[in-house]
Amino acid sequence: MDLTPYVGQTVQVVFYYQGINEGNPVYGWTLDDIGITGVVAGGTIKITKNLGQGGYNLFTPTPAGLVPVQSGVAPAVTLSNLPAGPYIVQFGNVPFYQTPPSQTNTLAVGGALNFSGNYTFLDTDNNGVSDAWELYYYGSVSTNRPGYNARADYAAFIAGTDPTNPNSRFGFTEATKPTNQIVRLEWTVETNRLYQVTASTNLAGWSPVTDWLQASNNPTINCTVTNGAGRTQYYRVQVQP
């Protein structure tokens, strides 16, 4: 029996016995191994981070060390029905970014906590690209090197492609119409980055047709969208790191 709707309330669990007397003696019940799992007045913890990349680990500290509670890579997660007490969140490393410090806070009975991981990077030349990324691919941090293309470098940094390899690309690999009004789209991805398909009828105003989708370890993602009968639509994919 799911008691989730009664979290935070006082409940009474009662067992009713009913029998028919068919002679003496009259036997009753023997009940054993009964328990209620869950947390009385459990609290809520929300964990967010500003990148699709990078994971998080939630722990409770004990005298014997940190006890794992939850781990994941989603940019936002809400955990409910957690026992009161101290919690620690650690965020994973992401190439070319500075890792957010660990955070500790105490969850009150029936309370709520928010942990937020803000990944940052050094950008001494103010081109919107991590200095560590420029050093890795070009060996220097500069906007004056030969062949420098600010827009191309920024796009490669956000998309996770290799600016020195022409075969490293972000784009559609397939666009088919299984039926008259269904379009199947597939595009290249980088692990854990976030992608969203948008559509337009005039190449000027764009509207999302999918939520933000987080990539796994597969090299591509695909989705199907509905295209209205007799209507021409254009599709594009945007990416967040």
Protein backbone atom coordinates (compact mmCIF):
# COMPACT_ATOMS: atom_id res chain seq x y z
CA MET A 1 0.00 0.00 0.00
CA ASP A 2 1.48 3.33 -1.08
CA LEU A 3 1.39 5.84 1.78
CA THR A 4 3.08 8.61 -0.21
CA PRO A 5 -0.05 10.86 -0.21
CA TYR A 6 0.17 10.94 3.60
CA VAL A 7 3.82 11.98 3.95
CA GLY A 8 4.09 14.54 6.72
CA GLN A 9 0.84 13.44 8.35
CA THR A 10 0.09 11.13 11.27
CA VAL A 11 -1.53 7.93 10.09
CA GLN A 12 -2.92 4.89 11.86
CA VAL A 13 -2.62 1.48 10.24
CA VAL A 14 -5.34 -0.94 11.36
CA PHE A 15 -5.85 -4.62 10.58
CA TYR A 16 -9.41 -5.92 10.66
CA TYR A 17 -10.18 -9.56 11.36
CA GLN A 18 -13.49 -11.16 10.58
CA GLY A 19 -14.34 -14.84 10.81
CA ILE A 20 -17.21 -17.28 11.05
CA ASN A 21 -17.49 -19.54 14.10
CA GLU A 22 -17.61 -23.09 12.82
CA GLY A 23 -16.89 -24.67 16.15
CA ASN A 24 -14.51 -24.45 19.06
CA PRO A 25 -11.86 -23.28 19.38
CA VAL A 26 -12.07 -20.12 17.24
CA TYR A 27 -8.66 -19.29 15.78
CA GLY A 28 -7.46 -15.76 15.01
CA TRP A 29 -4.49 -14.24 13.22
CA THR A 30 -0.78 -14.27 13.81
CA LEU A 31 0.87 -11.22 12.20
CA ASP A 32 4.62 -11.03 11.75
CA ASP A 33 7.30 -9.06 9.89
CA ILE A 34 5.18 -5.97 9.30
CA GLY A 35 6.91 -2.69 8.54
CA ILE A 36 6.44 0.69 6.96
CA THR A 37 9.26 1.90 4.76
CA GLY A 38 9.83 5.56 4.06
CA VAL A 39 10.61 8.67 6.00
CA VAL A 40 8.35 10.46 8.46
CA ALA A 41 7.89 14.06 7.27
CA GLY A 42 10.57 13.54 4.60
CA GLY A 43 12.18 16.59 3.03
CA THR A 44 13.06 17.56 -0.54
CA ILE A 45 16.42 18.29 -2.15
CA LYS A 46 16.78 19.90 -5.59
CA ILE A 47 20.11 19.71 -7.42
CA THR A 48 20.78 21.84 -10.50
CA LYS A 49 23.81 22.61 -12.64
CA ASN A 50 24.34 24.99 -15.52
CA LEU A 51 25.78 22.35 -17.87
CA GLY A 52 24.48 19.13 -19.30
CA GLN A 53 28.00 17.82 -18.85
CA GLY A 54 29.34 16.93 -15.45
CA GLY A 55 27.72 14.70 -12.88
CA TYR A 56 26.74 15.11 -9.27
CA ASN A 57 26.96 12.89 -6.21
CA LEU A 58 24.80 13.39 -3.14
CA PHE A 59 26.05 11.99 0.18
CA THR A 60 25.12 11.92 3.83
CA PRO A 61 28.11 12.23 6.18
CA THR A 62 28.50 9.60 8.91
CA PRO A 63 31.28 8.86 11.41
CA ALA A 64 32.36 6.04 9.09
CA GLY A 65 32.50 8.31 6.01
CA LEU A 66 30.24 9.53 3.23
CA VAL A 67 27.23 7.36 2.40
CA PRO A 68 26.01 7.68 -1.22
CA VAL A 69 22.40 8.79 -1.65
CA GLN A 70 22.01 9.65 -5.34
CA SER A 71 24.16 10.32 -8.39
CA GLY A 72 23.38 11.41 -11.93
CA VAL A 73 24.07 13.77 -14.84
CA ALA A 74 20.69 15.43 -15.43
CA PRO A 75 20.89 19.25 -15.30
CA ALA A 76 18.09 19.32 -12.72
CA VAL A 77 16.70 16.68 -10.36
CA THR A 78 14.36 16.80 -7.37
CA LEU A 79 14.61 14.13 -4.68
CA SER A 80 11.72 13.77 -2.24
CA ASN A 81 11.00 11.91 0.98
CA LEU A 82 14.57 12.26 2.26
CA PRO A 83 15.34 12.01 5.99
CA ALA A 84 16.36 15.15 7.86
CA GLY A 85 20.06 15.67 8.44
CA PRO A 86 23.25 16.95 6.78
CA TYR A 87 23.91 16.41 3.07
CA ILE A 88 26.91 16.99 0.81
CA VAL A 89 26.88 17.44 -2.97
CA GLN A 90 30.00 17.00 -5.07
CA PHE A 91 30.08 17.94 -8.76
CA GLY A 92 32.13 16.12 -11.37
CA ASN A 93 34.92 17.60 -13.46
CA VAL A 94 34.22 18.87 -16.98
CA PRO A 95 37.06 19.47 -19.46
CA PHE A 96 37.93 23.17 -19.92
CA TYR A 97 35.70 24.27 -17.01
CA GLN A 98 36.34 25.01 -13.36
CA THR A 99 34.51 22.56 -11.11
CA PRO A 100 32.03 24.01 -8.58
CA PRO A 101 33.11 23.44 -4.96
CA SER A 102 31.39 20.84 -2.81
CA GLN A 103 28.35 22.12 -0.95
CA THR A 104 27.05 21.11 2.48
CA ASN A 105 23.72 21.91 4.08
CA THR A 106 21.28 20.43 6.58
CA LEU A 107 17.79 19.31 5.63
CA ALA A 108 15.14 20.07 8.24
CA VAL A 109 12.19 17.79 8.93
CA GLY A 110 9.74 18.36 6.10
CA GLY A 111 12.06 21.03 4.67
CA ALA A 112 13.65 21.74 1.31
CA LEU A 113 17.23 22.35 0.14
CA ASN A 114 18.62 23.64 -3.14
CA PHE A 115 22.13 22.78 -4.35
CA SER A 116 23.34 24.59 -7.47
CA GLY A 117 26.53 23.84 -9.37
CA ASN A 118 27.81 26.74 -11.47
CA TYR A 119 30.59 25.71 -13.86
CA THR A 120 32.79 28.60 -15.01
CA PHE A 121 35.92 29.04 -17.14
CA LEU A 122 38.74 31.55 -17.54
CA ASP A 123 38.38 33.75 -20.61
CA THR A 124 41.18 36.31 -20.60
CA ASP A 125 40.64 37.35 -24.24
CA ASN A 126 36.86 37.78 -23.75
CA ASN A 127 35.86 35.72 -26.79
CA GLY A 128 33.36 33.51 -24.94
CA VAL A 129 35.66 30.49 -25.17
CA SER A 130 37.55 28.82 -22.33
CA ASP A 131 41.27 29.67 -22.24
CA ALA A 132 41.94 26.00 -21.41
CA TRP A 133 40.10 24.99 -24.61
CA GLU A 134 42.20 27.38 -26.73
CA LEU A 135 45.42 26.12 -25.15
CA TYR A 136 44.43 22.52 -25.77
CA TYR A 137 43.63 22.95 -29.47
CA TYR A 138 45.87 25.85 -30.50
CA GLY A 139 48.61 26.05 -27.87
CA SER A 140 47.90 29.71 -27.11
CA VAL A 141 45.20 32.09 -25.93
CA SER A 142 44.82 34.74 -28.59
CA THR A 143 42.35 36.30 -31.00
CA ASN A 144 45.16 37.26 -33.40
CA ARG A 145 46.47 33.86 -34.47
CA PRO A 146 46.39 33.04 -38.21
CA GLY A 147 43.03 31.83 -39.45
CA TYR A 148 41.23 32.86 -36.28
CA ASN A 149 37.47 32.73 -36.65
CA ALA A 150 35.67 33.85 -33.50
CA ARG A 151 32.28 32.53 -34.56
CA ALA A 152 33.62 29.12 -35.63
CA ASP A 153 35.66 28.68 -32.44
CA TYR A 154 32.73 29.63 -30.24
CA ALA A 155 30.44 27.20 -32.09
CA ALA A 156 32.99 24.37 -31.75
CA PHE A 157 33.46 25.08 -28.04
CA ILE A 158 29.71 25.00 -27.36
CA ALA A 159 29.03 21.97 -29.57
CA GLY A 160 32.04 19.98 -28.34
CA THR A 161 33.58 19.48 -31.77
CA ASP A 162 37.29 19.56 -32.66
CA PRO A 163 38.10 22.82 -34.50
CA THR A 164 41.28 21.29 -35.94
CA ASN A 165 39.50 18.28 -37.48
CA PRO A 166 37.22 18.95 -40.48
CA ASN A 167 35.51 15.60 -39.92
CA SER A 168 34.37 16.61 -36.43
CA ARG A 169 30.97 18.16 -37.10
CA PHE A 170 27.65 18.96 -35.48
CA GLY A 171 24.67 18.56 -37.77
CA PHE A 172 21.87 16.41 -39.14
CA THR A 173 22.74 12.94 -40.38
CA GLU A 174 19.23 11.96 -41.45
CA ALA A 175 15.87 13.54 -42.22
CA THR A 176 13.16 11.19 -43.45
CA LYS A 177 9.35 11.11 -43.67
CA PRO A 178 8.02 7.70 -42.55
CA THR A 179 4.49 9.05 -43.17
CA ASN A 180 3.05 12.18 -44.73
CA GLN A 181 2.95 14.11 -41.45
CA ILE A 182 5.78 12.51 -39.46
CA VAL A 183 9.39 13.58 -39.85
CA ARG A 184 12.27 11.59 -38.36
CA LEU A 185 15.38 13.62 -37.58
CA GLU A 186 18.80 12.40 -36.49
CA TRP A 187 21.90 14.43 -35.65
CA THR A 188 25.39 14.07 -34.22
CA VAL A 189 25.89 14.61 -30.49
CA GLU A 190 28.52 14.77 -27.79
CA THR A 191 28.02 12.89 -24.52
CA ASN A 192 25.77 14.62 -21.95
CA ARG A 193 25.31 17.81 -23.93
CA LEU A 194 21.75 19.15 -24.32
CA TYR A 195 19.93 19.40 -27.66
CA GLN A 196 16.61 20.86 -28.76
CA VAL A 197 14.85 20.71 -32.12
CA THR A 198 13.12 23.91 -33.24
CA ALA A 199 10.92 24.58 -36.27
CA SER A 200 10.04 27.53 -38.47
CA THR A 201 7.81 28.22 -41.45
CA ASN A 202 9.74 31.31 -42.58
CA LEU A 203 13.34 30.87 -41.29
CA ALA A 204 12.77 33.90 -39.07
CA GLY A 205 10.67 32.86 -36.06
CA TRP A 206 11.63 29.55 -34.43
CA SER A 207 9.62 27.49 -31.92
CA PRO A 208 10.76 24.42 -29.96
CA VAL A 209 9.21 21.10 -30.96
CA THR A 210 11.11 19.00 -28.39
CA ASP A 211 12.25 19.46 -24.83
CA TRP A 212 15.96 19.72 -24.16
CA LEU A 213 17.29 16.20 -24.77
CA GLN A 214 20.43 15.01 -23.02
CA ALA A 215 22.79 12.90 -25.11
CA SER A 216 24.09 9.55 -23.90
CA ASN A 217 27.26 7.83 -25.09
CA ASN A 218 25.74 7.17 -28.52
CA PRO A 219 27.11 9.23 -31.44
CA THR A 220 23.64 10.38 -32.55
CA ILE A 221 20.17 11.23 -31.23
CA ASN A 222 16.95 10.90 -33.20
CA CYS A 223 13.39 12.06 -32.69
CA THR A 224 10.14 12.20 -34.61
CA VAL A 225 8.04 15.34 -35.00
CA THR A 226 4.69 16.05 -36.59
CA ASN A 227 4.56 18.24 -39.66
CA GLY A 228 1.08 19.56 -40.44
CA ALA A 229 -0.52 18.48 -43.70
CA GLY A 230 0.21 20.84 -46.56
CA ARG A 231 2.64 22.90 -44.51
CA THR A 232 6.31 23.50 -45.22
CA GLN A 233 8.51 23.60 -42.14
CA TYR A 234 12.22 24.03 -41.58
CA TYR A 235 14.01 22.33 -38.70
CA ARG A 236 17.20 23.07 -36.85
CA VAL A 237 18.92 21.76 -33.71
CA GLN A 238 20.47 23.94 -31.05
CA VAL A 239 22.95 22.74 -28.46
CA GLN A 240 23.95 23.68 -24.93
CA PRO A 241 27.13 22.46 -23.26
